[in-house]
Each structure stands twice: as C-alpha cells, then as structure tokens.
Amino acid sequence: MTPNVFILMGVSATGKTTLGNALAESTHGKFLDGDDFHPEANRKKMASGIPLSDQDRQPWLEILAELIASHSTDPTPTFIACSALKETYRKTLRSKYPALGFLHLTAPGKILLERITCRYESGQHFMPPSLLASQLEILEIPDYALEMNVTQPISELVVKFTDHFCR
C-alpha cells in the first residue's frame, strides 16, 4: 500500500518545511509543520536551550498521531514536518496509521549548524544552535525511510520522491 501521509524527519535545519511545501505543491497535497502542534511549554523549553525529554515529546507525538490518522483517508497526500528522531517516536506516529511514509532528510553537520544559526539569529525559528548536538546525539536512523540529502536541489528531491512513491 502506497502511503498518502508522509513524515519529513530529521534534525533541525534539514529543510523539512521547505521540502514539505515543495512536495505538497508538486502533488497538489497539503503541508503541516509539526512544530505548530508543540505545547507552549515545549517551545519555551527549547527556546531556553533545554532539550526536550521523551516525556515532553510524548503528548506532542500523540497529537501528531491523531493528525496523521485524520488525514489518512484523504486521497490527497499530506506532508508533515516532524523531527521523529527516535524509533519510539516513529512508533507513536505510526500507531494510528501503520502505512505512514518517512523521508529522512540529511545534510553535513557544518551546513546544519550554519542554517540553524542563521534562522535563530534572524528570529525565524525558536530552536537555538546549542540544541543541534543533542538532536544529532539521539538520532536513530531508520533503514525504511527514503533518505534525502538536502544539499541537492529541491527539484531533484521532488523527483526522487515521485520516483520512489508515485510510480
């Protein structure tokens, strides 16, 4: 079964939002940013430079699992940006829609640090550069996700997605 809901996963600054919007546009689908569903306490904690614990993340992941389920019957594709760093997190996300597709976005650490620093210093995102190391430390790379190196042009990544899921 080809999924119609996809998680764009990876550490902060991999371009989940940028690619998610491009995929939604190219497939006439929808894009949702998982960060928009974080409780305010989580946002404040991250903005203060404190990594979230598994307990902090669990209610957020359960909200996203419900969101995924609500879009699973929609014939148009839905793309959701969510770090989904650990397998236990991905298990929660799949709990109500096991066919959920995963795209693992990657980039060299130096590029990620440049991106996250620029976004944070310009006020575009609440996540400080100091939390990148903690995200990389807990990242469990799934062998079932379509890996996408985001140093490639967005148009090439859209084609890679289409070739993998739409043929």
Protein backbone atom coordinates (compact mmCIF):
# COMPACT_ATOMS: atom_id res chain seq x y z
CA MET A 1 0.00 0.00 0.00
CA THR A 2 1.37 3.39 -1.00
CA PRO A 3 1.01 5.84 1.88
CA ASN A 4 -0.77 9.14 1.45
CA VAL A 5 0.67 10.70 4.63
CA PHE A 6 4.40 11.30 4.92
CA ILE A 7 6.70 12.46 7.70
CA LEU A 8 9.66 14.59 6.69
CA MET A 9 12.03 13.72 9.51
CA GLY A 10 15.48 14.79 10.59
CA VAL A 11 17.24 17.16 12.91
CA SER A 12 16.53 20.86 12.94
CA ALA A 13 17.57 22.87 9.85
CA THR A 14 17.42 20.00 7.36
CA GLY A 15 14.78 21.87 5.38
CA LYS A 16 11.73 19.84 6.36
CA THR A 17 9.43 22.82 5.84
CA THR A 18 10.99 23.86 2.53
CA LEU A 19 10.85 20.37 1.05
CA GLY A 20 7.43 19.65 2.56
CA ASN A 21 5.96 22.73 0.91
CA ALA A 22 7.59 21.81 -2.43
CA LEU A 23 6.23 18.26 -2.25
CA ALA A 24 2.76 19.49 -1.32
CA GLU A 25 2.79 21.90 -4.24
CA SER A 26 4.03 19.31 -6.73
CA THR A 27 1.45 16.70 -5.66
CA HIS A 28 -1.43 19.13 -5.01
CA GLY A 29 -1.28 17.94 -1.41
CA LYS A 30 -1.04 19.59 1.99
CA PHE A 31 1.87 20.55 4.21
CA LEU A 32 1.69 20.78 8.01
CA ASP A 33 4.55 21.80 10.29
CA GLY A 34 4.70 19.55 13.34
CA ASP A 35 6.29 22.36 15.35
CA ASP A 36 2.97 24.21 15.17
CA PHE A 37 1.46 21.49 17.37
CA HIS A 38 4.03 21.67 20.20
CA PRO A 39 2.61 22.71 23.55
CA GLU A 40 3.80 26.18 24.57
CA ALA A 41 5.82 24.66 27.43
CA ASN A 42 7.88 22.67 24.91
CA ARG A 43 8.52 25.75 22.78
CA LYS A 44 9.66 27.74 25.82
CA LYS A 45 11.93 24.92 26.98
CA MET A 46 13.60 24.63 23.57
CA ALA A 47 13.89 28.42 23.22
CA SER A 48 15.71 28.40 26.57
CA GLY A 49 18.24 25.93 25.15
CA ILE A 50 16.94 22.94 27.11
CA PRO A 51 16.48 19.72 25.10
CA LEU A 52 13.08 18.10 25.35
CA SER A 53 12.82 14.82 27.23
CA ASP A 54 10.91 11.82 25.94
CA GLN A 55 8.17 12.72 28.43
CA ASP A 56 8.00 16.26 26.99
CA ARG A 57 7.67 14.91 23.46
CA GLN A 58 5.09 12.16 24.09
CA PRO A 59 1.92 14.34 24.24
CA TRP A 60 3.09 16.18 21.11
CA LEU A 61 3.69 12.91 19.26
CA GLU A 62 0.24 11.67 20.27
CA ILE A 63 -1.31 14.88 18.89
CA LEU A 64 0.57 14.28 15.63
CA ALA A 65 -0.56 10.63 15.51
CA GLU A 66 -4.17 11.83 15.70
CA LEU A 67 -3.46 14.39 12.99
CA ILE A 68 -1.92 11.69 10.79
CA ALA A 69 -4.95 9.44 11.31
CA SER A 70 -7.32 12.27 10.42
CA HIS A 71 -5.52 12.75 7.08
CA SER A 72 -5.02 9.06 6.29
CA THR A 73 -8.33 8.73 4.44
CA ASP A 74 -7.86 11.89 2.41
CA PRO A 75 -6.94 10.97 -1.17
CA THR A 76 -4.58 13.94 -1.48
CA PRO A 77 -1.12 13.49 0.05
CA THR A 78 -0.27 15.14 3.34
CA PHE A 79 3.31 16.01 4.29
CA ILE A 80 4.16 16.67 7.93
CA ALA A 81 7.48 18.04 9.18
CA CYS A 82 8.47 16.29 12.42
CA SER A 83 11.95 15.53 13.68
CA ALA A 84 10.93 11.94 14.63
CA LEU A 85 14.45 11.34 15.89
CA LYS A 86 13.94 8.05 17.73
CA GLU A 87 12.29 4.81 16.68
CA THR A 88 9.96 5.01 19.69
CA TYR A 89 8.75 8.40 18.41
CA ARG A 90 8.12 6.97 14.94
CA LYS A 91 6.23 4.06 16.51
CA THR A 92 3.89 6.54 18.19
CA LEU A 93 3.43 8.41 14.90
CA ARG A 94 2.56 5.14 13.10
CA SER A 95 0.23 3.95 15.89
CA LYS A 96 -2.97 5.03 14.13
CA TYR A 97 -1.73 4.75 10.52
CA PRO A 98 0.87 1.99 10.06
CA ALA A 99 1.35 2.79 6.35
CA LEU A 100 2.88 6.18 7.23
CA GLY A 101 5.75 7.06 4.87
CA PHE A 102 9.05 8.51 6.11
CA LEU A 103 11.52 10.77 4.33
CA HIS A 104 14.78 11.15 6.26
CA LEU A 105 16.38 14.49 5.43
CA THR A 106 20.14 14.72 5.91
CA ALA A 107 22.96 17.24 5.47
CA PRO A 108 26.52 17.61 6.74
CA GLY A 109 26.77 18.95 10.31
CA LYS A 110 28.54 22.12 9.24
CA ILE A 111 25.71 23.06 6.88
CA LEU A 112 23.10 22.29 9.54
CA LEU A 113 24.88 24.48 12.07
CA GLU A 114 25.07 27.37 9.57
CA ARG A 115 21.38 27.04 8.76
CA ILE A 116 20.16 26.76 12.35
CA THR A 117 22.34 29.69 13.44
CA CYS A 118 21.04 31.89 10.63
CA ARG A 119 17.40 31.00 11.37
CA TYR A 120 17.79 31.55 15.10
CA GLU A 121 19.70 34.83 14.86
CA SER A 122 17.20 36.24 12.36
CA GLY A 123 14.27 35.28 14.62
CA GLN A 124 12.83 32.84 12.07
CA HIS A 125 12.82 29.89 14.48
CA PHE A 126 12.80 29.30 18.23
CA MET A 127 15.38 26.47 18.22
CA PRO A 128 18.85 27.68 19.26
CA PRO A 129 22.01 26.27 17.64
CA SER A 130 23.07 24.81 21.00
CA LEU A 131 20.40 22.09 20.67
CA LEU A 132 21.64 20.70 17.35
CA ALA A 133 24.24 18.48 19.05
CA SER A 134 21.62 16.93 21.34
CA GLN A 135 19.41 16.16 18.34
CA LEU A 136 22.26 14.55 16.43
CA GLU A 137 23.17 12.55 19.53
CA ILE A 138 19.73 10.93 19.90
CA LEU A 139 19.02 10.46 16.16
CA GLU A 140 18.27 6.82 15.34
CA ILE A 141 18.47 6.47 11.57
CA PRO A 142 15.65 4.31 10.17
CA ASP A 143 16.50 1.82 7.45
CA TYR A 144 12.97 2.02 6.00
CA ALA A 145 12.88 5.76 5.28
CA LEU A 146 13.69 7.30 1.93
CA GLU A 147 16.92 9.19 2.62
CA MET A 148 17.19 12.60 1.01
CA ASN A 149 20.38 14.65 1.11
CA VAL A 150 19.10 18.21 1.23
CA THR A 151 22.26 19.66 -0.27
CA GLN A 152 20.70 18.57 -3.58
CA PRO A 153 18.35 20.99 -5.35
CA ILE A 154 14.73 20.83 -4.17
CA SER A 155 13.59 19.97 -7.70
CA GLU A 156 15.79 16.84 -7.67
CA LEU A 157 14.40 15.81 -4.27
CA VAL A 158 10.84 16.18 -5.56
CA VAL A 159 11.71 13.90 -8.50
CA LYS A 160 13.33 11.40 -6.11
CA PHE A 161 10.15 11.33 -4.01
CA THR A 162 7.96 10.91 -7.09
CA ASP A 163 10.15 8.12 -8.47
CA HIS A 164 10.03 6.28 -5.15
CA PHE A 165 6.38 6.66 -4.12
CA CYS A 166 4.37 7.56 -7.21
CA ARG A 167 5.42 5.07 -9.88
